Amino acid sequence: MGKTSSIMVNIRFFLRLEPFAVLHEILHTVKRFIGWILISIGSDTLRGCRFRSWSGLKHALRMLNDNPMKRRALVKWFGFTGIAAIGGGGFAVNRSQAANRYYSGPVSDHFDGRVFFNPDGTPPGSFSDLLRWQLGNGRKKWPESWPSPHPSANPASRVNGNQLRVTMVGHATLLIQTAGVNILTDPYWSERASPFQFAGPKRVNAPGIAFDDLPPIDIVLLTHNHYDHLDALTINRLKDAHDPLVVTPLGNDTIVENAVPGVRTVTGDWGDLVESHGLKLHFEPVHHWSARGTFDRRMALWCGFVVDGPGGKIYHVGDTGFHEGINYQAAREKHGRFRLAILPVGAYEPRWFMKGQHQNPAEAVEGFELCNAEFAAGHHWGTVQLTNEGIEEPRDALHTELDRRQIERNRFRAMQPGEAWDVPESSTT
């Protein structure tokens, strides 16, 4: 392998190691690259090993793991003093030496003075868990293209009064229109959910609203900093075209402002409230984590939002593990009833690895009931493949659980790009 190609494969490998949810697309490249590295580190130990299959690679990793000197060489080569972005548990090498580059503030029940955490929660998987997932089987193949059955939407400029219309753009991006205000959640129009546009998870359908067809955007709700939610290229386009206010939890304002100079931001902690355009915007806890690279794991906060306006309350969750329903129950206790909950239903397999950070459709339905929502829009599925499940499995599993609980399917819709929904008015509005 030549030097240039080695560097390119190395870049791609580290790309996949950023948040764990974006690791699968270039597995075969990773396999060849790891095999090359393993041979360079342990050629004597691995003499005769072949890397034509994942089983051969797993055998080689086991052999190196049994050799302490080779194991240390492997850790050193990959620079795992910085790969705390995927690790956790016991694989936290030199984490205490890295200062928080995004936020400094008082210690709280979810901030230890350096990084954020989920109180009584589950940390992201360890590096050994990551390898087990990557080297395992079970990943369903997605089609290269999966067009939405809905045509590209052309939204109205404004939706006034108590009306509430949501239009799916794709993945976690929705346009919320109510009370004359236009809101985008986690806007992502780029081709790939990645720090680069030459590699990374690639969308299999076009955005449900062409960027140039967007109505004036007033507010952006940015839940956390993973690349499938914080797309700096899109934020930059929105600033130039609409100059919206970006509302985002602690630390993410620094990331956005560094990437998009001049952007307007407001930040908050769990439990905080800001008001904009006549709406109350509450920062609410979810069970997740954050990382943009290999050295900034959990240095910026993650959150959900409650939008409180004349048409009722909207509960938006970008990513979350179910966490025994604790946050859903807390949202109900604080806010009462929701007209609409916007909940993730995809990127959940394999459960042994994803359960703590990504709920599955059955858990989403339980959360829907726990938070006391009248209707729900399902998102985070069918646009970019991040995990093992097939492209249609989230919708099918959602329908199965709704039927099992005797909940009408039209109350909880797994939305697809271009789909617009005039949410019925709440009986408590």
Protein backbone atom coordinates (compact mmCIF):
# COMPACT_ATOMS: atom_id res chain seq x y z
CA MET A 1 0.00 0.00 0.00
CA GLY A 2 1.45 3.38 -1.00
CA LYS A 3 1.90 6.26 1.41
CA THR A 4 -0.91 8.38 -0.08
CA SER A 5 -3.44 5.57 -0.05
CA SER A 6 -2.42 4.66 3.48
CA ILE A 7 -3.09 8.21 4.66
CA MET A 8 -6.47 8.29 2.93
CA VAL A 9 -7.54 5.01 4.49
CA ASN A 10 -6.29 6.24 7.86
CA ILE A 11 -8.45 9.38 7.54
CA ARG A 12 -11.45 7.26 6.67
CA PHE A 13 -10.84 4.94 9.60
CA PHE A 14 -10.67 7.79 12.09
CA LEU A 15 -13.78 9.25 10.50
CA ARG A 16 -15.65 6.10 11.41
CA LEU A 17 -14.35 6.27 14.97
CA GLU A 18 -15.99 9.60 15.78
CA PRO A 19 -19.34 9.02 17.19
CA PHE A 20 -20.00 5.30 17.20
CA ALA A 21 -23.28 5.71 15.34
CA VAL A 22 -21.50 6.48 12.03
CA LEU A 23 -19.08 3.59 11.77
CA HIS A 24 -20.57 1.08 9.37
CA GLU A 25 -20.54 2.46 5.84
CA ILE A 26 -16.88 1.72 5.02
CA LEU A 27 -16.45 -1.56 6.88
CA HIS A 28 -14.55 -3.23 4.10
CA THR A 29 -12.09 -0.35 3.90
CA VAL A 30 -11.66 -0.55 7.64
CA LYS A 31 -11.08 -4.29 7.44
CA ARG A 32 -8.29 -3.93 4.88
CA PHE A 33 -6.74 -1.07 6.81
CA ILE A 34 -6.82 -2.82 10.18
CA GLY A 35 -5.34 -5.89 8.59
CA TRP A 36 -2.48 -3.83 7.18
CA ILE A 37 -1.85 -2.19 10.58
CA LEU A 38 -2.00 -5.49 12.44
CA ILE A 39 0.55 -6.97 10.10
CA SER A 40 2.84 -3.94 10.50
CA ILE A 41 2.57 -4.18 14.30
CA GLY A 42 2.68 -7.91 14.80
CA SER A 43 4.04 -9.52 11.67
CA ASP A 44 5.80 -12.21 13.68
CA THR A 45 2.77 -12.96 15.84
CA LEU A 46 0.37 -12.93 12.90
CA ARG A 47 2.43 -14.88 10.41
CA GLY A 48 0.08 -16.85 8.20
CA CYS A 49 -3.06 -14.89 9.15
CA ARG A 50 -5.39 -13.88 6.31
CA PHE A 51 -7.71 -10.89 6.33
CA ARG A 52 -10.16 -11.84 3.62
CA SER A 53 -12.94 -12.20 6.17
CA TRP A 54 -13.98 -10.65 9.46
CA SER A 55 -13.37 -13.97 11.18
CA GLY A 56 -9.71 -13.82 10.13
CA LEU A 57 -9.44 -10.28 11.46
CA LYS A 58 -11.05 -11.26 14.76
CA HIS A 59 -8.60 -14.15 15.08
CA ALA A 60 -5.70 -11.73 14.54
CA LEU A 61 -7.05 -9.30 17.15
CA ARG A 62 -7.34 -12.11 19.69
CA MET A 63 -3.76 -13.13 18.99
CA LEU A 64 -2.50 -9.58 19.50
CA ASN A 65 -4.60 -9.15 22.62
CA ASP A 66 -2.82 -12.16 24.12
CA ASN A 67 0.54 -10.47 23.56
CA PRO A 68 0.93 -7.47 25.95
CA MET A 69 3.75 -5.84 23.95
CA LYS A 70 1.77 -6.05 20.71
CA ARG A 71 -1.36 -4.81 22.45
CA ARG A 72 0.49 -1.73 23.69
CA ALA A 73 1.84 -1.12 20.19
CA LEU A 74 -1.66 -1.30 18.77
CA VAL A 75 -2.98 1.20 21.31
CA LYS A 76 -0.06 3.54 20.67
CA TRP A 77 -0.39 3.37 16.87
CA PHE A 78 -4.07 4.31 16.89
CA GLY A 79 -3.46 7.17 19.34
CA PHE A 80 -6.01 5.88 21.79
CA THR A 81 -5.10 8.57 24.30
CA GLY A 82 -7.57 10.55 22.22
CA ILE A 83 -10.08 7.89 21.22
CA ALA A 84 -12.09 8.58 24.35
CA ALA A 85 -14.68 9.89 21.88
CA ILE A 86 -15.84 6.33 21.28
CA GLY A 87 -14.61 4.61 24.38
CA GLY A 88 -15.82 4.68 27.92
CA GLY A 89 -15.65 2.55 30.98
CA GLY A 90 -12.13 1.24 31.34
CA PHE A 91 -10.83 2.60 28.04
CA ALA A 92 -10.35 6.18 29.19
CA VAL A 93 -6.67 6.74 28.52
CA ASN A 94 -5.43 10.18 29.64
CA ARG A 95 -8.96 11.59 29.60
CA SER A 96 -8.28 13.69 32.67
CA GLN A 97 -5.54 15.61 30.83
CA ALA A 98 -7.87 17.08 28.22
CA ALA A 99 -9.51 20.36 29.22
CA ASN A 100 -13.00 21.16 28.03
CA ARG A 101 -12.62 23.33 24.94
CA TYR A 102 -16.29 24.27 24.64
CA TYR A 103 -17.65 25.06 28.08
CA SER A 104 -16.57 25.98 31.60
CA GLY A 105 -19.02 26.32 34.43
CA PRO A 106 -20.02 25.13 37.87
CA VAL A 107 -20.29 21.46 38.78
CA SER A 108 -23.86 20.15 38.66
CA ASP A 109 -25.73 16.86 38.82
CA HIS A 110 -24.79 16.28 35.14
CA PHE A 111 -21.47 18.17 34.78
CA ASP A 112 -18.37 17.15 36.73
CA GLY A 113 -16.37 20.30 35.97
CA ARG A 114 -14.91 18.88 32.75
CA VAL A 115 -17.47 16.70 30.96
CA PHE A 116 -21.21 16.15 30.97
CA PHE A 117 -22.88 12.88 31.93
CA ASN A 118 -26.29 11.25 32.33
CA PRO A 119 -27.25 11.09 36.04
CA ASP A 120 -27.61 7.42 37.04
CA GLY A 121 -27.30 6.65 33.34
CA THR A 122 -25.45 4.38 30.96
CA PRO A 123 -22.18 5.64 29.42
CA PRO A 124 -21.36 5.02 25.73
CA GLY A 125 -19.86 1.60 24.97
CA SER A 126 -16.21 0.81 25.52
CA PHE A 127 -13.68 0.34 22.76
CA SER A 128 -13.86 -3.42 23.14
CA ASP A 129 -17.64 -3.16 22.70
CA LEU A 130 -17.08 -1.06 19.60
CA LEU A 131 -14.79 -3.72 18.12
CA ARG A 132 -17.26 -6.44 19.00
CA TRP A 133 -19.96 -4.53 17.11
CA GLN A 134 -17.75 -3.70 14.14
CA LEU A 135 -16.39 -7.21 13.80
CA GLY A 136 -19.73 -8.89 14.27
CA ASN A 137 -22.41 -9.81 11.78
CA GLY A 138 -26.01 -8.74 11.42
CA ARG A 139 -25.85 -5.50 9.46
CA LYS A 140 -28.70 -5.30 6.99
CA LYS A 141 -27.90 -3.90 3.56
CA TRP A 142 -29.66 -0.68 2.63
CA PRO A 143 -30.42 0.26 -0.98
CA GLU A 144 -28.20 2.94 -2.48
CA SER A 145 -31.33 4.93 -3.26
CA TRP A 146 -34.68 4.87 -1.46
CA PRO A 147 -36.80 7.75 -2.72
CA SER A 148 -39.61 8.99 -0.55
CA PRO A 149 -43.16 8.27 -1.75
CA HIS A 150 -43.94 11.95 -1.07
CA PRO A 151 -43.05 14.69 -3.55
CA SER A 152 -40.77 17.49 -2.45
CA ALA A 153 -42.76 19.86 -0.27
CA ASN A 154 -43.21 23.56 -0.95
CA PRO A 155 -44.24 24.93 2.45
CA ALA A 156 -46.39 27.99 3.06
CA SER A 157 -44.52 31.07 4.16
CA ARG A 158 -46.25 31.05 7.56
CA VAL A 159 -48.79 28.97 9.48
CA ASN A 160 -50.63 31.21 11.90
CA GLY A 161 -52.59 30.98 15.11
CA ASN A 162 -53.12 27.62 16.78
CA GLN A 163 -52.44 25.66 13.62
CA LEU A 164 -49.49 23.26 13.77
CA ARG A 165 -47.87 21.84 10.65
CA VAL A 166 -44.77 19.66 10.59
CA THR A 167 -42.95 18.72 7.39
CA MET A 168 -40.29 16.01 7.29
CA VAL A 169 -37.04 17.00 5.60
CA GLY A 170 -35.19 13.81 6.51
CA HIS A 171 -33.46 12.04 9.39
CA ALA A 172 -33.86 14.37 12.42
CA THR A 173 -34.69 17.49 10.40
CA LEU A 174 -38.28 18.72 10.51
CA LEU A 175 -39.88 22.06 9.73
CA ILE A 176 -42.28 23.09 12.49
CA GLN A 177 -44.73 25.87 11.62
CA THR A 178 -47.05 27.38 14.22
CA ALA A 179 -48.09 30.81 15.53
CA GLY A 180 -46.46 32.47 12.51
CA VAL A 181 -43.02 31.09 13.48
CA ASN A 182 -40.87 28.72 11.42
CA ILE A 183 -38.55 26.33 13.27
CA LEU A 184 -36.06 23.79 11.98
CA THR A 185 -34.82 20.91 14.10
CA ASP A 186 -31.23 19.63 13.69
CA PRO A 187 -31.00 20.89 10.08
CA TYR A 188 -29.10 18.55 7.74
CA TRP A 189 -29.09 19.16 3.98
CA SER A 190 -25.60 17.83 3.19
CA GLU A 191 -24.96 14.69 1.16
CA ARG A 192 -23.21 12.94 4.05
CA ALA A 193 -23.50 13.02 7.84
CA SER A 194 -19.78 13.44 8.26
CA PRO A 195 -16.99 15.98 8.78
CA PHE A 196 -16.05 15.30 5.16
CA GLN A 197 -18.18 15.06 2.03
CA PHE A 198 -16.01 12.37 0.40
CA ALA A 199 -16.69 9.71 3.04
CA GLY A 200 -19.24 8.93 5.72
CA PRO A 201 -22.89 7.89 5.89
CA LYS A 202 -24.59 9.02 2.71
CA ARG A 203 -28.24 9.92 2.43
CA VAL A 204 -30.35 7.58 0.32
CA ASN A 205 -33.10 10.10 -0.42
CA ALA A 206 -33.21 13.79 -1.16
CA PRO A 207 -34.26 16.32 1.48
CA GLY A 208 -38.04 16.56 1.64
CA ILE A 209 -37.84 20.33 1.12
CA ALA A 210 -35.36 21.77 -1.35
CA PHE A 211 -33.20 24.28 0.49
CA ASP A 212 -34.26 27.13 -1.81
CA ASP A 213 -37.93 26.31 -1.13
CA LEU A 214 -37.65 26.87 2.62
CA PRO A 215 -39.86 29.58 4.10
CA PRO A 216 -38.14 32.23 6.24
CA ILE A 217 -36.50 30.34 9.11
CA ASP A 218 -36.72 32.06 12.50
CA ILE A 219 -35.35 29.46 14.92
CA VAL A 220 -33.08 26.42 14.74
CA LEU A 221 -33.31 23.88 17.56
CA LEU A 222 -29.95 22.07 17.73
CA THR A 223 -30.06 19.15 20.17
CA HIS A 224 -26.42 17.98 20.20
CA ASN A 225 -23.22 17.88 18.19
CA HIS A 226 -23.10 14.53 16.38
CA TYR A 227 -22.65 15.03 12.64
CA ASP A 228 -26.10 13.72 11.73
CA HIS A 229 -27.56 16.53 13.88
CA LEU A 230 -25.06 19.40 13.79
CA ASP A 231 -24.31 19.92 10.10
CA ALA A 232 -22.08 22.99 9.99
CA LEU A 233 -22.40 23.35 6.20
CA THR A 234 -26.16 23.61 6.50
CA ILE A 235 -25.97 26.03 9.45
CA ASN A 236 -23.73 28.24 7.34
CA ARG A 237 -26.23 28.18 4.45
CA LEU A 238 -29.07 29.00 6.83
CA LYS A 239 -27.16 31.93 8.29
CA ASP A 240 -26.54 33.40 4.84
CA ALA A 241 -30.11 32.86 3.64
CA HIS A 242 -32.21 33.38 6.78
CA ASP A 243 -30.04 34.42 9.75
CA PRO A 244 -32.02 32.31 12.26
CA LEU A 245 -31.45 32.15 16.00
CA VAL A 246 -29.71 28.85 16.84
CA VAL A 247 -30.89 27.52 20.22
CA THR A 248 -28.58 24.80 21.55
CA PRO A 249 -27.39 23.34 24.87
CA LEU A 250 -24.19 24.27 26.68
CA GLY A 251 -20.97 24.06 24.70
CA ASN A 252 -22.57 23.60 21.32
CA ASP A 253 -22.78 27.37 20.89
CA THR A 254 -18.96 27.44 20.87
CA ILE A 255 -18.84 24.76 18.17
CA VAL A 256 -21.40 26.54 16.01
CA GLU A 257 -19.83 29.97 16.43
CA ASN A 258 -16.37 28.63 15.55
CA ALA A 259 -17.70 26.89 12.45
CA VAL A 260 -20.05 29.68 11.33
CA PRO A 261 -18.71 33.12 12.35
CA GLY A 262 -21.44 35.66 12.94
CA VAL A 263 -24.22 33.15 13.57
CA ARG A 264 -26.69 34.13 16.26
CA THR A 265 -26.86 31.64 19.14
CA VAL A 266 -28.42 31.27 22.54
CA THR A 267 -27.48 28.44 24.87
CA GLY A 268 -28.90 26.87 27.98
CA ASP A 269 -28.66 24.07 30.50
CA TRP A 270 -31.26 21.42 31.29
CA GLY A 271 -34.18 23.19 32.92
CA ASP A 272 -33.45 26.57 31.37
CA LEU A 273 -35.97 28.63 29.41
CA VAL A 274 -35.52 31.15 26.63
CA GLU A 275 -38.19 33.11 24.80
CA SER A 276 -38.10 33.95 21.11
CA HIS A 277 -40.73 35.08 18.59
CA GLY A 278 -43.43 34.75 21.22
CA LEU A 279 -42.60 31.11 22.02
CA LYS A 280 -41.17 29.64 25.20
CA LEU A 281 -38.33 27.21 24.52
CA HIS A 282 -37.45 24.83 27.34
CA PHE A 283 -34.19 22.83 27.50
CA GLU A 284 -35.02 19.32 28.73
CA PRO A 285 -32.83 16.31 29.63
CA VAL A 286 -32.38 13.31 27.37
CA HIS A 287 -30.12 10.28 27.77
CA HIS A 288 -27.36 10.55 25.17
CA TRP A 289 -23.78 11.80 24.73
CA SER A 290 -21.70 14.00 22.41
CA ALA A 291 -18.50 14.07 20.35
CA ARG A 292 -17.26 15.82 17.22
CA GLY A 293 -13.84 14.20 17.21
CA THR A 294 -11.52 11.98 19.15
CA PHE A 295 -10.67 14.42 21.95
CA ASP A 296 -13.98 16.07 22.89
CA ARG A 297 -16.18 13.27 24.17
CA ARG A 298 -19.05 14.66 26.30
CA MET A 299 -17.60 18.20 26.39
CA ALA A 300 -20.86 19.66 25.04
CA LEU A 301 -24.31 18.97 26.45
CA TRP A 302 -27.21 17.20 24.73
CA CYS A 303 -30.88 17.97 25.25
CA GLY A 304 -34.46 17.84 24.07
CA PHE A 305 -36.72 20.87 23.72
CA VAL A 306 -40.25 21.78 24.65
CA VAL A 307 -41.79 24.48 22.46
CA ASP A 308 -44.66 26.20 24.26
CA GLY A 309 -46.91 28.37 22.11
CA PRO A 310 -50.56 29.32 21.67
CA GLY A 311 -51.27 26.09 19.80
CA GLY A 312 -50.05 23.84 22.60
CA LYS A 313 -46.79 22.20 23.61
CA ILE A 314 -44.38 20.32 21.34
CA TYR A 315 -41.83 17.93 22.82
CA HIS A 316 -38.84 17.44 20.50
CA VAL A 317 -36.23 14.74 21.18
CA GLY A 318 -33.29 14.43 18.79
CA ASP A 319 -31.56 11.33 20.18
CA THR A 320 -32.12 9.45 23.40
CA GLY A 321 -31.86 6.13 25.14
CA PHE A 322 -35.06 5.13 26.89
CA HIS A 323 -33.41 5.27 30.35
CA GLU A 324 -36.36 3.48 32.02
CA GLY A 325 -38.63 6.29 30.85
CA ILE A 326 -37.30 8.67 33.49
CA ASN A 327 -37.05 11.71 31.23
CA TYR A 328 -40.44 11.08 29.63
CA GLN A 329 -42.11 10.95 33.03
CA ALA A 330 -40.28 14.10 34.12
CA ALA A 331 -41.47 15.91 30.99
CA ARG A 332 -45.08 14.98 31.73
CA GLU A 333 -44.78 16.03 35.37
CA LYS A 334 -43.34 19.40 34.38
CA HIS A 335 -45.38 20.21 31.29
CA GLY A 336 -48.61 18.24 31.58
CA ARG A 337 -49.86 17.24 28.14
CA PHE A 338 -48.21 17.61 24.74
CA ARG A 339 -50.03 18.21 21.50
CA LEU A 340 -47.12 16.63 19.62
CA ALA A 341 -44.02 14.64 20.54
CA ILE A 342 -41.25 14.36 17.93
CA LEU A 343 -39.42 11.16 18.81
CA PRO A 344 -36.54 9.12 17.31
CA VAL A 345 -37.45 5.60 16.16
CA GLY A 346 -34.31 4.44 14.29
CA ALA A 347 -30.58 3.66 14.68
CA TYR A 348 -31.07 1.15 17.50
CA GLU A 349 -29.43 -2.17 16.50
CA PRO A 350 -27.63 -4.07 17.94
CA ARG A 351 -29.46 -3.51 21.18
CA TRP A 352 -26.61 -4.68 23.42
CA PHE A 353 -24.54 -1.74 22.11
CA MET A 354 -27.13 0.92 21.21
CA LYS A 355 -29.71 0.53 23.98
CA GLY A 356 -28.22 3.12 26.33
CA GLN A 357 -28.10 5.88 23.68
CA HIS A 358 -30.80 5.09 21.10
CA GLN A 359 -34.32 3.91 21.95
CA ASN A 360 -36.05 1.41 19.66
CA PRO A 361 -39.59 1.81 18.26
CA ALA A 362 -41.23 -0.11 21.12
CA GLU A 363 -39.52 2.16 23.64
CA ALA A 364 -40.53 5.21 21.59
CA VAL A 365 -44.18 4.14 21.84
CA GLU A 366 -43.83 3.64 25.59
CA GLY A 367 -42.23 7.09 25.83
CA PHE A 368 -45.09 8.52 23.78
CA GLU A 369 -47.55 7.25 26.36
CA LEU A 370 -45.41 8.17 29.36
CA CYS A 371 -44.99 11.80 28.28
CA ASN A 372 -48.74 12.15 27.73
CA ALA A 373 -48.64 13.23 24.08
CA GLU A 374 -51.72 13.22 21.87
CA PHE A 375 -49.74 12.70 18.66
CA ALA A 376 -46.18 11.82 17.72
CA ALA A 377 -43.93 12.17 14.67
CA GLY A 378 -41.28 9.49 14.31
CA HIS A 379 -37.91 10.54 12.87
CA HIS A 380 -34.25 9.41 12.72
CA TRP A 381 -34.89 6.59 10.25
CA GLY A 382 -34.74 5.87 6.52
CA THR A 383 -32.29 8.59 5.41
CA VAL A 384 -28.74 7.57 6.43
CA GLN A 385 -27.68 4.14 7.66
CA LEU A 386 -25.94 4.44 11.00
CA THR A 387 -26.61 1.05 12.56
CA ASN A 388 -27.59 -2.54 11.78
CA GLU A 389 -31.34 -2.55 11.21
CA GLY A 390 -32.86 -2.61 7.73
CA ILE A 391 -34.21 0.55 6.18
CA GLU A 392 -37.92 -0.22 6.72
CA GLU A 393 -37.61 -2.04 10.05
CA PRO A 394 -38.18 1.04 12.29
CA ARG A 395 -41.53 1.82 10.65
CA ASP A 396 -42.62 -1.82 10.68
CA ALA A 397 -41.63 -2.25 14.33
CA LEU A 398 -43.42 0.98 15.22
CA HIS A 399 -46.63 -0.26 13.61
CA THR A 400 -46.32 -3.60 15.39
CA GLU A 401 -45.99 -1.94 18.79
CA LEU A 402 -48.82 0.51 18.13
CA ASP A 403 -51.08 -2.37 17.14
CA ARG A 404 -50.05 -4.36 20.21
CA ARG A 405 -50.97 -1.44 22.47
CA GLN A 406 -54.16 -0.74 20.49
CA ILE A 407 -53.03 2.78 19.58
CA GLU A 408 -54.26 4.13 16.26
CA ARG A 409 -51.39 4.35 13.77
CA ASN A 410 -52.40 7.85 12.72
CA ARG A 411 -51.51 9.09 16.21
CA PHE A 412 -47.82 8.16 15.80
CA ARG A 413 -46.54 8.55 12.26
CA ALA A 414 -43.11 7.44 11.05
CA MET A 415 -42.63 10.40 8.75
CA GLN A 416 -40.77 10.36 5.42
CA PRO A 417 -39.13 13.18 3.44
CA GLY A 418 -41.65 15.58 1.91
CA GLU A 419 -44.50 14.42 4.14
CA ALA A 420 -46.47 17.29 5.69
CA TRP A 421 -48.84 16.80 8.61
CA ASP A 422 -51.41 19.24 9.96
CA VAL A 423 -51.47 18.00 13.53
CA PRO A 424 -54.98 18.05 15.01
CA GLU A 425 -55.61 20.65 17.65
CA SER A 426 -55.10 19.51 21.22
CA SER A 427 -58.24 18.90 23.27
CA THR A 428 -56.55 20.83 26.09
CA THR A 429 -55.44 23.87 24.04
